[in-house]
Amino acid sequence: MIRTLALVAVAFSAAPAFAQKGPKLPEGTAEHRNLSYGTAHKERNALDLFVPKSEKPVPLIVWVHGGAWAAGSKDGGNPAMKLLEQGYAVAAINYRLSQHAVYPAQIQDCKEAIRFLRANSKKYNLNPDKFGAWGSSAGGHLVALLGTSAGAKDLLLADSPHKDVSDAVQCVIDFFGPTDLLKMGEQAGPKSKFDHDGPNSPESKLVGGPIQQKKELAQKANPITYVSKASAPFLIVHGDADPLVPLGQSELLNDALKKAGVPVELVTLKGAGHGGPQFNAKDVQAKCETFLEKHLKK
């Protein structure tokens, strides 16, 4: 069973093919590694920050890794790193995994990282009004929550040293993230090789028990629960052959955002699975870059 969960975690962590490890940094880039943004878990409450040389404060892209909420780290592939050359600062964060604490610990950590970065924006030459979030799979789920649940008190750490600092982001790129955990099993169908409702599924591990028996907590983990007209603009990218996170998850979020009047675009990649080379296509990369420029630079 442990091996099965590990395999699912690897699948959940599938990053776009263009996510390269350790790219060469542009000349003059300030590199800040293992910054501590919280005290709940020494290793997991850490982030890396890369800031291009600039006389003016720069917009920030925060990358959140996948891994079934049970694996992965900030040191994995980060597709935003290539955007340092375009004048964006890039952060990659760790957060507590499901074996460390059940939900909402994961989103509390992500929000605390956002608040830490915004509170220290002058120190690191960041524009506090231009924060974007990008994630894939479980990371896509968490950035979707960042984009829809700004200010939700039940998802913020009560003892935060940055209580008066906003946890909002100004835009979100969500690559194939879950959005309604209670519907994943139904959408996957009986032929799926993944038992989303089982006690050992990543979703169940996240909430500390069989997902259908933890409906109240699962609802608080669903990005669609918090959608409102105040939600951040979204770019959602999902493959229609994803065997792990059904395309219907992104369709649910897309429909909810549209209904609330929030700018959103859902890009469906025909034949694409849970990550893979199609996410590296020039048109997908161009959409991401255009989206970020619109919401973080203009």
C-alpha atoms as a PDB file:
ATOM      1  CA  MET A   1       0.000   0.000   0.000  1.00  0.00           C
ATOM      2  CA  ILE A   2       2.859   2.368   0.813  1.00  0.00           C
ATOM      3  CA  ARG A   3       4.398   1.681  -2.596  1.00  0.00           C
ATOM      4  CA  THR A   4       1.036   2.356  -4.276  1.00  0.00           C
ATOM      5  CA  LEU A   5       0.691   5.695  -2.529  1.00  0.00           C
ATOM      6  CA  ALA A   6       4.265   6.558  -3.488  1.00  0.00           C
ATOM      7  CA  LEU A   7       3.503   5.864  -7.144  1.00  0.00           C
ATOM      8  CA  VAL A   8       0.411   8.051  -6.963  1.00  0.00           C
ATOM      9  CA  ALA A   9       2.493  10.807  -5.371  1.00  0.00           C
ATOM     10  CA  VAL A  10       4.957  10.622  -8.260  1.00  0.00           C
ATOM     11  CA  ALA A  11       2.083  10.856 -10.728  1.00  0.00           C
ATOM     12  CA  PHE A  12       0.546  13.776  -8.869  1.00  0.00           C
ATOM     13  CA  SER A  13       3.872  15.569  -8.967  1.00  0.00           C
ATOM     14  CA  ALA A  14       4.125  15.355 -12.735  1.00  0.00           C
ATOM     15  CA  ALA A  15       5.437  18.726 -13.828  1.00  0.00           C
ATOM     16  CA  PRO A  16       5.379  20.230 -17.310  1.00  0.00           C
ATOM     17  CA  ALA A  17       8.216  18.980 -19.487  1.00  0.00           C
ATOM     18  CA  PHE A  18       9.763  22.437 -19.626  1.00  0.00           C
ATOM     19  CA  ALA A  19      10.375  22.396 -15.855  1.00  0.00           C
ATOM     20  CA  GLN A  20      14.133  22.130 -15.688  1.00  0.00           C
ATOM     21  CA  LYS A  21      16.175  21.647 -12.559  1.00  0.00           C
ATOM     22  CA  GLY A  22      18.826  24.206 -11.703  1.00  0.00           C
ATOM     23  CA  PRO A  23      18.741  26.519 -14.752  1.00  0.00           C
ATOM     24  CA  LYS A  24      21.507  29.069 -15.173  1.00  0.00           C
ATOM     25  CA  LEU A  25      20.506  32.301 -13.494  1.00  0.00           C
ATOM     26  CA  PRO A  26      20.636  35.574 -15.458  1.00  0.00           C
ATOM     27  CA  GLU A  27      23.584  37.753 -14.564  1.00  0.00           C
ATOM     28  CA  GLY A  28      22.901  39.958 -11.545  1.00  0.00           C
ATOM     29  CA  THR A  29      20.133  37.752 -10.117  1.00  0.00           C
ATOM     30  CA  ALA A  30      19.956  37.897  -6.316  1.00  0.00           C
ATOM     31  CA  GLU A  31      19.644  34.371  -4.920  1.00  0.00           C
ATOM     32  CA  HIS A  32      18.071  33.763  -1.514  1.00  0.00           C
ATOM     33  CA  ARG A  33      17.791  30.099  -0.545  1.00  0.00           C
ATOM     34  CA  ASN A  34      16.015  28.423   2.346  1.00  0.00           C
ATOM     35  CA  LEU A  35      14.375  31.548   3.705  1.00  0.00           C
ATOM     36  CA  SER A  36      12.284  30.647   6.735  1.00  0.00           C
ATOM     37  CA  TYR A  37       8.736  31.954   6.434  1.00  0.00           C
ATOM     38  CA  GLY A  38       7.159  30.125   9.401  1.00  0.00           C
ATOM     39  CA  THR A  39       7.726  28.003  12.488  1.00  0.00           C
ATOM     40  CA  ALA A  40       5.277  25.099  12.081  1.00  0.00           C
ATOM     41  CA  HIS A  41       7.914  22.870  10.433  1.00  0.00           C
ATOM     42  CA  LYS A  42      11.548  23.880   9.990  1.00  0.00           C
ATOM     43  CA  GLU A  43      12.195  22.064   6.705  1.00  0.00           C
ATOM     44  CA  ARG A  44       8.813  22.591   5.119  1.00  0.00           C
ATOM     45  CA  ASN A  45       8.361  26.248   6.109  1.00  0.00           C
ATOM     46  CA  ALA A  46      11.136  27.340   3.761  1.00  0.00           C
ATOM     47  CA  LEU A  47      11.302  28.973   0.363  1.00  0.00           C
ATOM     48  CA  ASP A  48      13.816  29.983  -2.290  1.00  0.00           C
ATOM     49  CA  LEU A  49      13.647  33.425  -3.867  1.00  0.00           C
ATOM     50  CA  PHE A  50      15.350  34.674  -7.014  1.00  0.00           C
ATOM     51  CA  VAL A  51      15.197  38.366  -7.892  1.00  0.00           C
ATOM     52  CA  PRO A  52      16.480  39.812 -11.183  1.00  0.00           C
ATOM     53  CA  LYS A  53      18.561  42.958 -11.119  1.00  0.00           C
ATOM     54  CA  SER A  54      16.261  45.978 -11.348  1.00  0.00           C
ATOM     55  CA  GLU A  55      16.130  49.576 -10.198  1.00  0.00           C
ATOM     56  CA  LYS A  56      12.383  49.249  -9.622  1.00  0.00           C
ATOM     57  CA  PRO A  57      10.407  46.687  -7.585  1.00  0.00           C
ATOM     58  CA  VAL A  58       9.625  43.648  -9.730  1.00  0.00           C
ATOM     59  CA  PRO A  59       6.535  41.418 -10.005  1.00  0.00           C
ATOM     60  CA  LEU A  60       6.742  38.006  -8.335  1.00  0.00           C
ATOM     61  CA  ILE A  61       5.711  34.520  -9.475  1.00  0.00           C
ATOM     62  CA  VAL A  62       5.337  31.956  -6.677  1.00  0.00           C
ATOM     63  CA  TRP A  63       5.740  28.324  -7.786  1.00  0.00           C
ATOM     64  CA  VAL A  64       3.990  25.626  -5.696  1.00  0.00           C
ATOM     65  CA  HIS A  65       5.109  22.042  -6.347  1.00  0.00           C
ATOM     66  CA  GLY A  66       2.894  18.984  -6.734  1.00  0.00           C
ATOM     67  CA  GLY A  67       3.262  15.500  -5.258  1.00  0.00           C
ATOM     68  CA  ALA A  68      -0.162  14.335  -4.017  1.00  0.00           C
ATOM     69  CA  TRP A  69       0.277  16.590  -0.974  1.00  0.00           C
ATOM     70  CA  ALA A  70       2.633  13.835   0.250  1.00  0.00           C
ATOM     71  CA  ALA A  71       5.856  14.337  -1.728  1.00  0.00           C
ATOM     72  CA  GLY A  72       7.869  16.873  -3.692  1.00  0.00           C
ATOM     73  CA  SER A  73       9.790  19.994  -2.756  1.00  0.00           C
ATOM     74  CA  LYS A  74      10.786  23.470  -3.866  1.00  0.00           C
ATOM     75  CA  ASP A  75      13.971  21.959  -5.309  1.00  0.00           C
ATOM     76  CA  GLY A  76      12.134  20.159  -8.117  1.00  0.00           C
ATOM     77  CA  GLY A  77      11.450  21.490 -11.601  1.00  0.00           C
ATOM     78  CA  ASN A  78      10.132  25.046 -11.639  1.00  0.00           C
ATOM     79  CA  PRO A  79       8.784  26.292 -15.000  1.00  0.00           C
ATOM     80  CA  ALA A  80       8.717  29.892 -13.792  1.00  0.00           C
ATOM     81  CA  MET A  81      12.520  30.084 -13.534  1.00  0.00           C
ATOM     82  CA  LYS A  82      12.868  30.835 -17.230  1.00  0.00           C
ATOM     83  CA  LEU A  83      10.876  34.039 -16.654  1.00  0.00           C
ATOM     84  CA  LEU A  84      13.666  35.615 -14.609  1.00  0.00           C
ATOM     85  CA  GLU A  85      15.011  36.852 -17.929  1.00  0.00           C
ATOM     86  CA  GLN A  86      11.734  38.695 -18.496  1.00  0.00           C
ATOM     87  CA  GLY A  87      12.023  40.681 -15.282  1.00  0.00           C
ATOM     88  CA  TYR A  88       9.996  38.565 -12.888  1.00  0.00           C
ATOM     89  CA  ALA A  89      11.180  37.505  -9.457  1.00  0.00           C
ATOM     90  CA  VAL A  90      10.510  33.822  -8.790  1.00  0.00           C
ATOM     91  CA  ALA A  91       9.881  32.049  -5.490  1.00  0.00           C
ATOM     92  CA  ALA A  92       9.539  28.310  -4.901  1.00  0.00           C
ATOM     93  CA  ILE A  93       8.003  27.203  -1.628  1.00  0.00           C
ATOM     94  CA  ASN A  94       7.806  24.113   0.532  1.00  0.00           C
ATOM     95  CA  TYR A  95       4.726  23.416   2.627  1.00  0.00           C
ATOM     96  CA  ARG A  96       3.744  20.789   5.174  1.00  0.00           C
ATOM     97  CA  LEU A  97       2.807  17.489   3.564  1.00  0.00           C
ATOM     98  CA  SER A  98      -0.110  15.281   4.568  1.00  0.00           C
ATOM     99  CA  GLN A  99       2.135  13.071   6.708  1.00  0.00           C
ATOM    100  CA  HIS A 100       3.143  16.145   8.705  1.00  0.00           C
ATOM    101  CA  ALA A 101      -0.342  17.569   9.235  1.00  0.00           C
ATOM    102  CA  VAL A 102      -3.791  17.292   7.696  1.00  0.00           C
ATOM    103  CA  TYR A 103      -5.532  20.064   5.812  1.00  0.00           C
ATOM    104  CA  PRO A 104      -5.670  23.082   6.139  1.00  0.00           C
ATOM    105  CA  ALA A 105      -1.972  23.054   7.110  1.00  0.00           C
ATOM    106  CA  GLN A 106      -0.922  23.002   3.436  1.00  0.00           C
ATOM    107  CA  ILE A 107      -2.814  26.115   2.367  1.00  0.00           C
ATOM    108  CA  GLN A 108      -2.029  27.866   5.649  1.00  0.00           C
ATOM    109  CA  ASP A 109       1.659  27.462   4.818  1.00  0.00           C
ATOM    110  CA  CYS A 110       1.193  28.731   1.265  1.00  0.00           C
ATOM    111  CA  LYS A 111      -0.673  31.771   2.518  1.00  0.00           C
ATOM    112  CA  GLU A 112       1.950  32.397   5.180  1.00  0.00           C
ATOM    113  CA  ALA A 113       4.653  32.305   2.500  1.00  0.00           C
ATOM    114  CA  ILE A 114       2.737  34.899   0.471  1.00  0.00           C
ATOM    115  CA  ARG A 115       2.373  37.139   3.524  1.00  0.00           C
ATOM    116  CA  PHE A 116       6.058  36.757   4.405  1.00  0.00           C
ATOM    117  CA  LEU A 117       7.125  37.746   0.895  1.00  0.00           C
ATOM    118  CA  ARG A 118       4.748  40.709   0.822  1.00  0.00           C
ATOM    119  CA  ALA A 119       5.845  41.860   4.285  1.00  0.00           C
ATOM    120  CA  ASN A 120       9.462  41.771   3.089  1.00  0.00           C
ATOM    121  CA  SER A 121       8.822  43.198  -0.364  1.00  0.00           C
ATOM    122  CA  LYS A 122      11.003  46.280   0.198  1.00  0.00           C
ATOM    123  CA  LYS A 123      13.873  44.153   1.481  1.00  0.00           C
ATOM    124  CA  TYR A 124      13.824  41.960  -1.633  1.00  0.00           C
ATOM    125  CA  ASN A 125      12.766  44.616  -4.179  1.00  0.00           C
ATOM    126  CA  LEU A 126       9.387  43.022  -4.913  1.00  0.00           C
ATOM    127  CA  ASN A 127       6.223  44.782  -6.062  1.00  0.00           C
ATOM    128  CA  PRO A 128       3.719  43.835  -3.313  1.00  0.00           C
ATOM    129  CA  ASP A 129       0.779  44.544  -5.609  1.00  0.00           C
ATOM    130  CA  LYS A 130       1.933  42.151  -8.341  1.00  0.00           C
ATOM    131  CA  PHE A 131       2.080  38.595  -6.971  1.00  0.00           C
ATOM    132  CA  GLY A 132       1.152  35.651  -9.187  1.00  0.00           C
ATOM    133  CA  ALA A 133       0.889  31.957  -8.243  1.00  0.00           C
ATOM    134  CA  TRP A 134       1.612  28.949 -10.482  1.00  0.00           C
ATOM    135  CA  GLY A 135       1.380  25.272  -9.626  1.00  0.00           C
ATOM    136  CA  SER A 136       0.731  21.836 -11.072  1.00  0.00           C
ATOM    137  CA  SER A 137      -1.375  18.950  -9.781  1.00  0.00           C
ATOM    138  CA  ALA A 138      -1.521  19.177  -5.959  1.00  0.00           C
ATOM    139  CA  GLY A 139       0.323  22.473  -6.404  1.00  0.00           C
ATOM    140  CA  GLY A 140      -2.365  23.514  -8.874  1.00  0.00           C
ATOM    141  CA  HIS A 141      -4.967  22.806  -6.207  1.00  0.00           C
ATOM    142  CA  LEU A 142      -3.112  24.990  -3.695  1.00  0.00           C
ATOM    143  CA  VAL A 143      -2.595  27.934  -6.050  1.00  0.00           C
ATOM    144  CA  ALA A 144      -6.263  27.719  -7.018  1.00  0.00           C
ATOM    145  CA  LEU A 145      -7.077  28.060  -3.324  1.00  0.00           C
ATOM    146  CA  LEU A 146      -4.735  31.045  -3.108  1.00  0.00           C
ATOM    147  CA  GLY A 147      -6.626  32.636  -5.967  1.00  0.00           C
ATOM    148  CA  THR A 148     -10.119  32.080  -4.592  1.00  0.00           C
ATOM    149  CA  SER A 149      -9.830  32.236  -0.798  1.00  0.00           C
ATOM    150  CA  ALA A 150      -7.952  35.465  -0.025  1.00  0.00           C
ATOM    151  CA  GLY A 151      -8.771  36.617   3.495  1.00  0.00           C
ATOM    152  CA  ALA A 152     -10.594  33.412   4.508  1.00  0.00           C
ATOM    153  CA  LYS A 153      -9.908  33.389   8.250  1.00  0.00           C
ATOM    154  CA  ASP A 154     -10.260  29.625   8.670  1.00  0.00           C
ATOM    155  CA  LEU A 155      -7.365  29.132   6.237  1.00  0.00           C
ATOM    156  CA  LEU A 156      -4.988  31.614   7.879  1.00  0.00           C
ATOM    157  CA  LEU A 157      -2.620  30.881  10.754  1.00  0.00           C
ATOM    158  CA  ALA A 158      -4.009  32.440  13.922  1.00  0.00           C
ATOM    159  CA  ASP A 159      -0.546  33.157  15.341  1.00  0.00           C
ATOM    160  CA  SER A 160       0.950  34.654  12.183  1.00  0.00           C
ATOM    161  CA  PRO A 161       3.446  37.483  12.736  1.00  0.00           C
ATOM    162  CA  HIS A 162       2.021  39.038   9.559  1.00  0.00           C
ATOM    163  CA  LYS A 163      -1.650  39.255  10.551  1.00  0.00           C
ATOM    164  CA  ASP A 164      -2.100  42.621   8.886  1.00  0.00           C
ATOM    165  CA  VAL A 165      -0.513  41.542   5.590  1.00  0.00           C
ATOM    166  CA  SER A 166      -2.644  40.381   2.667  1.00  0.00           C
ATOM    167  CA  ASP A 167      -2.479  36.756   1.505  1.00  0.00           C
ATOM    168  CA  ALA A 168      -3.990  37.632  -1.905  1.00  0.00           C
ATOM    169  CA  VAL A 169      -2.423  36.922  -5.278  1.00  0.00           C
ATOM    170  CA  GLN A 170      -3.222  38.906  -8.407  1.00  0.00           C
ATOM    171  CA  CYS A 171      -3.390  35.978 -10.844  1.00  0.00           C
ATOM    172  CA  VAL A 172      -3.156  32.176 -10.954  1.00  0.00           C
ATOM    173  CA  ILE A 173      -1.874  29.604 -13.438  1.00  0.00           C
ATOM    174  CA  ASP A 174      -3.365  26.237 -12.507  1.00  0.00           C
ATOM    175  CA  PHE A 175      -1.992  23.173 -14.291  1.00  0.00           C
ATOM    176  CA  PHE A 176      -4.368  20.210 -13.814  1.00  0.00           C
ATOM    177  CA  GLY A 177      -5.141  20.808 -10.133  1.00  0.00           C
ATOM    178  CA  PRO A 178      -8.019  19.173  -8.213  1.00  0.00           C
ATOM    179  CA  THR A 179     -10.848  21.596  -7.435  1.00  0.00           C
ATOM    180  CA  ASP A 180     -13.627  19.444  -5.903  1.00  0.00           C
ATOM    181  CA  LEU A 181     -12.157  16.491  -4.010  1.00  0.00           C
ATOM    182  CA  LEU A 182     -15.543  14.921  -3.336  1.00  0.00           C
ATOM    183  CA  LYS A 183     -16.271  14.529  -7.056  1.00  0.00           C
ATOM    184  CA  MET A 184     -12.942  13.116  -8.237  1.00  0.00           C
ATOM    185  CA  GLY A 185     -13.987   9.471  -7.828  1.00  0.00           C
ATOM    186  CA  GLU A 186     -17.285  10.020  -9.606  1.00  0.00           C
ATOM    187  CA  GLN A 187     -15.602  11.869 -12.471  1.00  0.00           C
ATOM    188  CA  ALA A 188     -12.843   9.268 -12.835  1.00  0.00           C
ATOM    189  CA  GLY A 189     -15.455   6.521 -13.181  1.00  0.00           C
ATOM    190  CA  PRO A 190     -15.436   2.842 -12.205  1.00  0.00           C
ATOM    191  CA  LYS A 191     -12.734   1.932 -14.733  1.00  0.00           C
ATOM    192  CA  SER A 192     -10.160   4.220 -13.135  1.00  0.00           C
ATOM    193  CA  LYS A 193      -7.154   2.464 -11.597  1.00  0.00           C
ATOM    194  CA  PHE A 194      -7.096   5.078  -8.828  1.00  0.00           C
ATOM    195  CA  ASP A 195      -9.535   4.749  -5.925  1.00  0.00           C
ATOM    196  CA  HIS A 196     -10.052   8.414  -5.120  1.00  0.00           C
ATOM    197  CA  ASP A 197     -12.558   7.683  -2.360  1.00  0.00           C
ATOM    198  CA  GLY A 198     -10.442   4.968  -0.712  1.00  0.00           C
ATOM    199  CA  PRO A 199      -8.860   5.529   2.710  1.00  0.00           C
ATOM    200  CA  ASN A 200      -5.349   5.560   1.222  1.00  0.00           C
ATOM    201  CA  SER A 201      -5.986   7.938  -1.640  1.00  0.00           C
ATOM    202  CA  PRO A 202      -4.020  11.211  -1.642  1.00  0.00           C
ATOM    203  CA  GLU A 203      -7.271  13.108  -1.088  1.00  0.00           C
ATOM    204  CA  SER A 204      -8.161  10.999   1.942  1.00  0.00           C
ATOM    205  CA  LYS A 205      -4.663  11.321   3.371  1.00  0.00           C
ATOM    206  CA  LEU A 206      -4.960  15.080   2.950  1.00  0.00           C
ATOM    207  CA  VAL A 207      -8.080  15.336   5.125  1.00  0.00           C
ATOM    208  CA  GLY A 208      -7.149  12.583   7.574  1.00  0.00           C
ATOM    209  CA  GLY A 209      -9.695   9.930   6.640  1.00  0.00           C
ATOM    210  CA  PRO A 210     -11.863   8.549   3.818  1.00  0.00           C
ATOM    211  CA  ILE A 211     -12.777  11.614   1.779  1.00  0.00           C
ATOM    212  CA  GLN A 212     -16.514  10.849   1.646  1.00  0.00           C
ATOM    213  CA  GLN A 213     -16.550  10.609   5.449  1.00  0.00           C
ATOM    214  CA  LYS A 214     -14.792  13.968   5.794  1.00  0.00           C
ATOM    215  CA  LYS A 215     -17.134  16.014   3.633  1.00  0.00           C
ATOM    216  CA  GLU A 216     -17.120  19.153   5.756  1.00  0.00           C
ATOM    217  CA  LEU A 217     -13.327  19.394   5.760  1.00  0.00           C
ATOM    218  CA  ALA A 218     -13.183  18.386   2.081  1.00  0.00           C
ATOM    219  CA  GLN A 219     -15.499  21.276   1.208  1.00  0.00           C
ATOM    220  CA  LYS A 220     -13.056  23.644   2.910  1.00  0.00           C
ATOM    221  CA  ALA A 221     -10.307  22.152   0.749  1.00  0.00           C
ATOM    222  CA  ASN A 222     -12.185  22.799  -2.503  1.00  0.00           C
ATOM    223  CA  PRO A 223     -11.129  25.953  -4.382  1.00  0.00           C
ATOM    224  CA  ILE A 224     -14.625  26.201  -5.886  1.00  0.00           C
ATOM    225  CA  THR A 225     -16.052  26.657  -2.374  1.00  0.00           C
ATOM    226  CA  TYR A 226     -14.473  30.109  -2.153  1.00  0.00           C
ATOM    227  CA  VAL A 227     -15.067  31.414  -5.671  1.00  0.00           C
ATOM    228  CA  SER A 228     -16.466  34.944  -5.726  1.00  0.00           C
ATOM    229  CA  LYS A 229     -16.258  38.039  -7.886  1.00  0.00           C
ATOM    230  CA  ALA A 230     -13.155  38.966  -5.881  1.00  0.00           C
ATOM    231  CA  SER A 231     -11.247  35.871  -7.018  1.00  0.00           C
ATOM    232  CA  ALA A 232      -8.047  36.370  -8.990  1.00  0.00           C
ATOM    233  CA  PRO A 233      -7.953  35.917 -12.787  1.00  0.00           C
ATOM    234  CA  PHE A 234      -7.131  32.325 -13.799  1.00  0.00           C
ATOM    235  CA  LEU A 235      -5.400  30.497 -16.615  1.00  0.00           C
ATOM    236  CA  ILE A 236      -6.181  26.773 -16.342  1.00  0.00           C
ATOM    237  CA  VAL A 237      -4.418  24.117 -18.448  1.00  0.00           C
ATOM    238  CA  HIS A 238      -5.499  20.456 -18.388  1.00  0.00           C
ATOM    239  CA  GLY A 239      -5.106  17.385 -20.578  1.00  0.00           C
ATOM    240  CA  ASP A 240      -8.250  15.564 -21.671  1.00  0.00           C
ATOM    241  CA  ALA A 241      -6.517  12.191 -21.169  1.00  0.00           C
ATOM    242  CA  ASP A 242      -5.385  12.868 -17.611  1.00  0.00           C
ATOM    243  CA  PRO A 243      -5.754   9.512 -15.791  1.00  0.00           C
ATOM    244  CA  LEU A 244      -5.287  10.938 -12.303  1.00  0.00           C
ATOM    245  CA  VAL A 245      -7.042  14.310 -12.058  1.00  0.00           C
ATOM    246  CA  PRO A 246     -10.083  14.254 -14.355  1.00  0.00           C
ATOM    247  CA  LEU A 247     -10.504  17.135 -16.790  1.00  0.00           C
ATOM    248  CA  GLY A 248     -13.897  17.689 -15.169  1.00  0.00           C
ATOM    249  CA  GLN A 249     -12.110  19.141 -12.135  1.00  0.00           C
ATOM    250  CA  SER A 250     -10.843  22.075 -14.179  1.00  0.00           C
ATOM    251  CA  GLU A 251     -14.173  22.408 -15.957  1.00  0.00           C
ATOM    252  CA  LEU A 252     -15.924  22.804 -12.597  1.00  0.00           C
ATOM    253  CA  LEU A 253     -13.576  25.599 -11.567  1.00  0.00           C
ATOM    254  CA  ASN A 254     -13.800  27.265 -14.975  1.00  0.00           C
ATOM    255  CA  ASP A 255     -17.611  27.272 -14.830  1.00  0.00           C
ATOM    256  CA  ALA A 256     -17.667  28.612 -11.246  1.00  0.00           C
ATOM    257  CA  LEU A 257     -15.279  31.447 -12.059  1.00  0.00           C
ATOM    258  CA  LYS A 258     -17.209  32.413 -15.193  1.00  0.00           C
ATOM    259  CA  LYS A 259     -20.462  32.445 -13.237  1.00  0.00           C
ATOM    260  CA  ALA A 260     -18.864  34.805 -10.701  1.00  0.00           C
ATOM    261  CA  GLY A 261     -17.644  37.106 -13.466  1.00  0.00           C
ATOM    262  CA  VAL A 262     -13.959  36.348 -12.932  1.00  0.00           C
ATOM    263  CA  PRO A 263     -11.611  36.425 -15.957  1.00  0.00           C
ATOM    264  CA  VAL A 264     -10.678  32.824 -16.734  1.00  0.00           C
ATOM    265  CA  GLU A 265      -9.453  30.739 -19.646  1.00  0.00           C
ATOM    266  CA  LEU A 266      -9.420  26.949 -19.731  1.00  0.00           C
ATOM    267  CA  VAL A 267      -6.966  25.434 -22.203  1.00  0.00           C
ATOM    268  CA  THR A 268      -7.715  21.767 -22.904  1.00  0.00           C
ATOM    269  CA  LEU A 269      -4.835  19.809 -24.399  1.00  0.00           C
ATOM    270  CA  LYS A 270      -6.090  16.946 -26.557  1.00  0.00           C
ATOM    271  CA  GLY A 271      -4.489  13.612 -25.718  1.00  0.00           C
ATOM    272  CA  ALA A 272      -2.379  15.060 -22.892  1.00  0.00           C
ATOM    273  CA  GLY A 273      -2.075  13.214 -19.616  1.00  0.00           C
ATOM    274  CA  HIS A 274      -1.002  14.290 -16.151  1.00  0.00           C
ATOM    275  CA  GLY A 275       1.787  16.564 -17.317  1.00  0.00           C
ATOM    276  CA  GLY A 276       4.078  15.710 -20.216  1.00  0.00           C
ATOM    277  CA  PRO A 277       5.579  17.318 -23.312  1.00  0.00           C
ATOM    278  CA  GLN A 278       2.370  18.929 -24.551  1.00  0.00           C
ATOM    279  CA  PHE A 279       2.576  21.363 -21.650  1.00  0.00           C
ATOM    280  CA  ASN A 280       5.891  22.467 -23.153  1.00  0.00           C
ATOM    281  CA  ALA A 281       4.344  23.452 -26.472  1.00  0.00           C
ATOM    282  CA  LYS A 282       5.154  26.954 -27.663  1.00  0.00           C
ATOM    283  CA  ASP A 283       1.518  27.992 -27.713  1.00  0.00           C
ATOM    284  CA  VAL A 284       1.029  26.922 -24.080  1.00  0.00           C
ATOM    285  CA  GLN A 285       4.177  28.717 -22.987  1.00  0.00           C
ATOM    286  CA  ALA A 286       3.078  31.802 -24.933  1.00  0.00           C
ATOM    287  CA  LYS A 287      -0.330  31.775 -23.225  1.00  0.00           C
ATOM    288  CA  CYS A 288       1.323  31.606 -19.812  1.00  0.00           C
ATOM    289  CA  GLU A 289       3.669  34.475 -20.636  1.00  0.00           C
ATOM    290  CA  THR A 290       0.906  36.645 -22.113  1.00  0.00           C
ATOM    291  CA  PHE A 291      -1.338  35.971 -19.120  1.00  0.00           C
ATOM    292  CA  LEU A 292       1.377  36.895 -16.616  1.00  0.00           C
ATOM    293  CA  GLU A 293       2.335  40.026 -18.530  1.00  0.00           C
ATOM    294  CA  LYS A 294      -1.289  41.177 -18.612  1.00  0.00           C
ATOM    295  CA  HIS A 295      -1.883  40.756 -14.893  1.00  0.00           C
ATOM    296  CA  LEU A 296       1.541  41.394 -13.377  1.00  0.00           C
ATOM    297  CA  LYS A 297       3.106  44.019 -15.624  1.00  0.00           C
ATOM    298  CA  LYS A 298       0.456  46.086 -17.355  1.00  0.00           C
END
